[in-house]
């Protein structure tokens, strides 16, 4: 009887995984939509002749997004000697590409992680994603990685968690399984789901490659960006910002595990020894408390 029960559980688990991924191929399913302004800002930011006024005009098309961007750039993380009081001042002080990153941070928080269902866990995923993005930027600076899109890769690497949970509610409605039942399968599939989402948004191929395979070793142009994301992903644990699922027997289920081999290979790819990693942690300790509260 025990063997029969185990086999039944395995069959249910396999069907659940299949159903989760099938949602993304269902013509009736509409994935979370990013604000058009965010995509337009990314397009403009990629141009060598990106213009401050053009970025400001784009942001002014979405007042809610613009307000969120102003709130973020006015935080202690970006604050300079004088407060930022306008979108134009923000773009001039921080630069077009940093503003692009901030716009994506605001857009992802608004368009993907805001939901009444599974809200507690999605809030933890959102916090982890944001902190990973900022630490990825720190890792890249320390390792001299010229990674323009590294922040966005760090921000989106675990977006599949949100995508899968939202897909479940879309398909199952009130009949959706409990989060504790879903969690192991969502964790198993989140990398693949992240790739499907960023592909659906039409993001650059390098972002799709890193996000869609952030638990795998990379070669070629994206190898050092992917290594930076993997290392940053792990370092979030030092700030209690790792991925955590629902509570079972009083303890939250872990997710998005980075093993010791992945860490060693990531650090090796980046040429970072233990002392360099400690410097990154020291840099992070000065800013992560502010980031986690954004």
Protein backbone atom coordinates (compact mmCIF):
# COMPACT_ATOMS: atom_id res chain seq x y z
CA UNK A 1 0.00 0.00 0.00
CA UNK A 2 2.87 2.38 0.84
CA UNK A 3 4.45 1.79 -2.58
CA UNK A 4 1.10 2.38 -4.24
CA UNK A 5 0.65 5.67 -2.37
CA UNK A 6 4.15 6.81 -3.34
CA UNK A 7 3.48 5.99 -6.99
CA UNK A 8 0.20 7.94 -6.86
CA UNK A 9 1.95 10.95 -5.31
CA UNK A 10 4.59 10.82 -8.07
CA UNK A 11 1.92 10.71 -10.76
CA UNK A 12 0.08 13.68 -9.25
CA UNK A 13 3.35 15.60 -8.97
CA UNK A 14 4.28 14.90 -12.60
CA UNK A 15 0.82 15.95 -13.82
CA UNK A 16 1.04 19.15 -11.79
CA UNK A 17 4.41 20.01 -13.33
CA UNK A 18 3.10 19.28 -16.82
CA UNK A 19 -0.02 21.38 -16.21
CA UNK A 20 2.03 24.30 -14.88
CA UNK A 21 4.18 24.50 -18.00
CA UNK A 22 1.22 23.87 -20.32
CA UNK A 23 -0.31 27.12 -19.07
CA UNK A 24 2.39 29.10 -20.86
CA UNK A 25 1.47 27.42 -24.17
CA UNK A 26 -2.26 27.97 -23.68
CA UNK A 27 -3.49 30.66 -26.12
CA UNK A 28 -6.00 31.77 -23.50
CA UNK A 29 -3.29 32.54 -20.94
CA UNK A 30 -1.95 36.06 -20.75
CA UNK A 31 1.27 36.43 -18.76
CA UNK A 32 1.78 39.46 -16.52
CA UNK A 33 2.27 42.51 -18.72
CA UNK A 34 5.11 44.96 -18.26
CA UNK A 35 4.22 48.63 -18.74
CA UNK A 36 4.91 49.68 -22.33
CA UNK A 37 6.88 52.61 -20.94
CA UNK A 38 9.43 50.24 -19.38
CA UNK A 39 10.05 48.54 -22.72
CA UNK A 40 10.30 51.90 -24.49
CA UNK A 41 12.80 53.15 -21.90
CA UNK A 42 14.90 50.02 -22.45
CA UNK A 43 14.88 50.59 -26.22
CA UNK A 44 15.95 54.23 -25.87
CA UNK A 45 18.61 53.38 -23.26
CA UNK A 46 20.29 51.00 -25.71
CA UNK A 47 20.94 53.81 -28.16
CA UNK A 48 24.22 55.69 -28.09
CA UNK A 49 22.33 58.95 -28.59
CA UNK A 50 19.84 58.35 -25.75
CA UNK A 51 18.37 61.71 -24.78
CA UNK A 52 17.46 62.81 -21.25
CA UNK A 53 14.35 64.68 -22.39
CA UNK A 54 13.14 61.66 -24.38
CA UNK A 55 13.40 59.44 -21.28
CA UNK A 56 11.50 62.03 -19.23
CA UNK A 57 8.74 62.24 -21.85
CA UNK A 58 8.37 58.45 -21.79
CA UNK A 59 8.09 58.35 -18.00
CA UNK A 60 5.54 61.14 -18.02
CA UNK A 61 3.22 58.86 -20.02
CA UNK A 62 2.77 56.65 -16.95
CA UNK A 63 2.27 58.80 -13.88
CA UNK A 64 2.12 55.87 -11.43
CA UNK A 65 5.36 54.43 -12.75
CA UNK A 66 6.98 57.86 -12.74
CA UNK A 67 5.96 58.39 -9.12
CA UNK A 68 7.46 55.03 -8.14
CA UNK A 69 10.69 55.87 -9.95
CA UNK A 70 10.91 59.18 -8.11
CA UNK A 71 10.33 57.43 -4.79
CA UNK A 72 13.11 54.93 -5.51
CA UNK A 73 15.66 57.48 -6.66
CA UNK A 74 14.88 59.66 -3.64
CA UNK A 75 15.70 56.79 -1.27
CA UNK A 76 18.97 56.74 0.74
CA UNK A 77 20.38 54.30 -1.82
CA UNK A 78 20.58 56.97 -4.52
CA UNK A 79 20.44 60.16 -2.48
CA UNK A 80 23.21 62.66 -3.13
CA UNK A 81 24.01 65.93 -1.41
CA UNK A 82 20.71 67.39 -2.55
CA UNK A 83 17.34 65.64 -2.95
CA UNK A 84 16.05 64.68 -6.39
CA UNK A 85 12.83 66.58 -7.04
CA UNK A 86 12.10 65.90 -10.72
CA UNK A 87 12.36 63.13 -13.28
CA UNK A 88 14.80 65.19 -15.33
CA UNK A 89 17.06 65.71 -12.32
CA UNK A 90 16.95 61.96 -11.65
CA UNK A 91 17.99 61.08 -15.21
CA UNK A 92 20.77 63.68 -15.24
CA UNK A 93 22.20 62.59 -11.89
CA UNK A 94 21.95 58.81 -12.31
CA UNK A 95 22.28 58.41 -16.07
CA UNK A 96 19.97 56.83 -18.62
CA UNK A 97 20.92 53.22 -17.96
CA UNK A 98 20.63 53.37 -14.18
CA UNK A 99 17.22 55.00 -14.65
CA UNK A 100 16.33 52.14 -17.02
CA UNK A 101 17.18 49.68 -14.21
CA UNK A 102 15.08 51.64 -11.71
CA UNK A 103 12.18 51.73 -14.15
CA UNK A 104 12.34 47.95 -14.52
CA UNK A 105 12.53 47.52 -10.77
CA UNK A 106 9.35 49.58 -10.40
CA UNK A 107 7.61 47.89 -13.33
CA UNK A 108 8.33 44.34 -12.13
CA UNK A 109 7.12 45.11 -8.62
CA UNK A 110 3.91 46.61 -9.98
CA UNK A 111 3.20 44.19 -12.81
CA UNK A 112 4.28 40.79 -11.50
CA UNK A 113 4.48 40.58 -7.73
CA UNK A 114 1.38 42.53 -6.74
CA UNK A 115 -1.42 40.01 -6.23
CA UNK A 116 -3.79 39.09 -3.47
CA UNK A 117 -3.09 35.38 -3.93
CA UNK A 118 -0.01 33.80 -2.35
CA UNK A 119 0.80 37.39 -1.38
CA UNK A 120 3.10 36.61 1.55
CA UNK A 121 5.38 34.33 -0.45
CA UNK A 122 5.36 36.58 -3.51
CA UNK A 123 6.46 39.48 -1.31
CA UNK A 124 9.48 37.41 -0.20
CA UNK A 125 10.27 36.53 -3.82
CA UNK A 126 10.04 40.21 -4.78
CA UNK A 127 12.37 41.25 -1.97
CA UNK A 128 14.87 38.52 -2.88
CA UNK A 129 14.79 39.53 -6.55
CA UNK A 130 15.42 43.20 -5.78
CA UNK A 131 18.26 42.50 -3.36
CA UNK A 132 19.82 40.03 -5.83
CA UNK A 133 19.77 42.72 -8.53
CA UNK A 134 21.64 45.25 -6.38
CA UNK A 135 24.19 42.71 -5.17
CA UNK A 136 24.71 41.56 -8.77
CA UNK A 137 25.67 45.13 -9.63
CA UNK A 138 28.16 45.14 -6.71
CA UNK A 139 29.65 41.80 -7.78
CA UNK A 140 30.11 43.07 -11.33
CA UNK A 141 31.91 46.19 -10.12
CA UNK A 142 34.23 44.18 -7.87
CA UNK A 143 34.96 41.63 -10.64
CA UNK A 144 35.31 44.29 -13.36
CA UNK A 145 32.48 42.75 -15.37
CA UNK A 146 31.24 45.05 -18.11
CA UNK A 147 27.67 43.91 -17.73
CA UNK A 148 25.19 46.54 -18.81
CA UNK A 149 22.15 44.30 -18.30
CA UNK A 150 23.38 42.56 -15.15
CA UNK A 151 20.96 44.41 -12.85
CA UNK A 152 17.95 43.37 -14.94
CA UNK A 153 19.21 39.77 -15.09
CA UNK A 154 19.46 39.71 -11.29
CA UNK A 155 16.04 41.32 -10.97
CA UNK A 156 14.33 38.80 -13.27
CA UNK A 157 16.18 35.56 -12.49
CA UNK A 158 13.41 34.24 -10.21
CA UNK A 159 10.42 35.87 -11.89
CA UNK A 160 9.26 32.35 -12.80
CA UNK A 161 8.11 31.81 -9.21
CA UNK A 162 5.58 34.61 -9.61
CA UNK A 163 4.68 33.58 -13.15
CA UNK A 164 3.90 30.00 -12.13
CA UNK A 165 1.85 30.95 -9.08
CA UNK A 166 -0.16 33.47 -11.08
CA UNK A 167 -0.66 30.86 -13.80
CA UNK A 168 -2.07 28.40 -11.27
CA UNK A 169 -4.65 30.94 -10.11
CA UNK A 170 -5.49 31.81 -13.72
CA UNK A 171 -6.22 28.18 -14.62
CA UNK A 172 -7.49 26.70 -11.37
CA UNK A 173 -9.17 29.66 -9.70
CA UNK A 174 -10.59 28.74 -6.31
CA UNK A 175 -9.67 25.08 -6.96
CA UNK A 176 -5.94 25.88 -6.98
CA UNK A 177 -3.80 23.55 -4.82
CA UNK A 178 -2.36 24.82 -1.57
CA UNK A 179 0.97 26.59 -1.75
CA UNK A 180 2.68 23.89 0.33
CA UNK A 181 1.59 21.34 -2.29
CA UNK A 182 2.69 23.53 -5.18
CA UNK A 183 5.99 24.76 -3.79
CA UNK A 184 8.36 21.85 -4.64
CA UNK A 185 7.13 21.86 -8.25
CA UNK A 186 7.21 25.64 -8.61
CA UNK A 187 10.77 25.58 -7.25
CA UNK A 188 11.73 22.82 -9.70
CA UNK A 189 10.25 24.66 -12.70
CA UNK A 190 10.96 28.30 -11.84
CA UNK A 191 14.10 28.62 -13.99
CA UNK A 192 12.29 27.37 -17.08
CA UNK A 193 9.28 29.54 -16.32
CA UNK A 194 11.53 32.59 -15.90
CA UNK A 195 12.89 32.00 -19.40
CA UNK A 196 9.39 31.66 -20.89
CA UNK A 197 8.30 34.92 -19.26
CA UNK A 198 11.24 37.05 -20.35
CA UNK A 199 10.93 35.61 -23.85
CA UNK A 200 7.25 36.57 -23.91
CA UNK A 201 8.23 40.13 -22.96
CA UNK A 202 10.67 40.35 -25.87
CA UNK A 203 13.67 41.18 -23.71
CA UNK A 204 17.21 41.05 -25.15
CA UNK A 205 18.67 37.57 -25.92
CA UNK A 206 21.42 37.94 -23.29
CA UNK A 207 18.78 38.52 -20.59
CA UNK A 208 16.82 35.46 -21.78
CA UNK A 209 19.99 33.35 -21.74
CA UNK A 210 21.07 34.32 -18.21
CA UNK A 211 17.62 34.33 -16.62
CA UNK A 212 16.58 31.10 -18.32
CA UNK A 213 19.67 29.19 -17.22
CA UNK A 214 20.78 30.92 -14.02
CA UNK A 215 21.39 27.58 -12.28
CA UNK A 216 23.57 26.29 -15.12
CA UNK A 217 27.17 26.88 -16.10
CA UNK A 218 27.57 29.29 -19.01
CA UNK A 219 30.17 29.75 -21.71
CA UNK A 220 30.62 32.65 -24.09
CA UNK A 221 29.52 36.25 -23.70
CA UNK A 222 27.03 35.72 -20.88
CA UNK A 223 29.24 33.53 -18.66
CA UNK A 224 30.47 36.26 -16.30
CA UNK A 225 27.06 37.92 -16.00
CA UNK A 226 25.49 34.54 -15.14
CA UNK A 227 28.23 33.88 -12.59
CA UNK A 228 27.59 37.29 -11.01
CA UNK A 229 23.88 36.51 -10.67
CA UNK A 230 24.57 33.09 -9.11
CA UNK A 231 26.98 34.57 -6.57
CA UNK A 232 24.60 37.45 -5.74
CA UNK A 233 21.72 34.99 -5.45
CA UNK A 234 23.64 33.15 -2.73
CA UNK A 235 24.79 36.28 -0.92
CA UNK A 236 21.19 37.33 -0.27
CA UNK A 237 21.18 34.66 2.46
CA UNK A 238 23.47 36.86 4.58
CA UNK A 239 20.69 39.45 4.75
CA UNK A 240 17.75 37.08 5.33
CA UNK A 241 16.55 37.80 1.81
CA UNK A 242 16.76 34.34 0.26
CA UNK A 243 13.79 32.66 -1.42
CA UNK A 244 11.42 31.10 1.10
CA UNK A 245 8.14 29.34 0.52
CA UNK A 246 5.13 28.59 2.72
CA UNK A 247 5.39 27.51 6.33
CA UNK A 248 5.19 23.78 7.05
CA UNK A 249 5.38 22.66 10.68
CA UNK A 250 6.38 26.20 11.62
CA UNK A 251 9.30 26.42 9.18
CA UNK A 252 9.35 28.03 5.73
CA UNK A 253 10.26 25.75 2.84
CA UNK A 254 13.47 26.80 1.05
CA UNK A 255 13.74 27.48 -2.65
CA UNK A 256 16.17 28.46 -5.42
CA UNK A 257 19.08 26.58 -3.82
CA UNK A 258 22.63 27.41 -4.93
CA UNK A 259 25.00 24.56 -4.06
CA UNK A 260 28.67 24.77 -3.07
CA UNK A 261 29.91 23.72 -6.51
CA UNK A 262 27.92 26.49 -8.19
CA UNK A 263 29.41 29.03 -5.78
CA UNK A 264 32.97 27.85 -6.35
CA UNK A 265 32.60 27.89 -10.12
CA UNK A 266 30.92 31.30 -10.08
CA UNK A 267 33.68 32.82 -7.93
CA UNK A 268 36.33 31.15 -10.10
CA UNK A 269 34.75 32.47 -13.30
CA UNK A 270 34.84 35.97 -11.81
CA UNK A 271 38.34 35.68 -10.34
CA UNK A 272 37.07 36.43 -6.83
CA UNK A 273 38.72 34.94 -3.76
CA UNK A 274 37.28 34.83 -0.23
CA UNK A 275 38.68 38.27 0.57
CA UNK A 276 36.96 39.79 -2.47
CA UNK A 277 33.64 38.19 -1.52
CA UNK A 278 34.00 39.66 1.98
CA UNK A 279 34.51 43.09 0.41
CA UNK A 280 31.29 42.62 -1.58
CA UNK A 281 29.45 41.69 1.60
CA UNK A 282 30.85 44.77 3.33
CA UNK A 283 29.62 46.93 0.44
CA UNK A 284 26.23 45.25 0.63
CA UNK A 285 25.93 45.72 4.39
CA UNK A 286 25.98 49.48 3.86
CA UNK A 287 23.03 49.47 1.46
CA UNK A 288 20.99 46.25 1.65
CA UNK A 289 19.00 47.32 4.75
CA UNK A 290 17.76 50.31 2.72
CA UNK A 291 17.15 48.19 -0.39
CA UNK A 292 15.12 45.59 1.49
CA UNK A 293 12.75 48.31 2.68
CA UNK A 294 12.19 49.93 -0.73
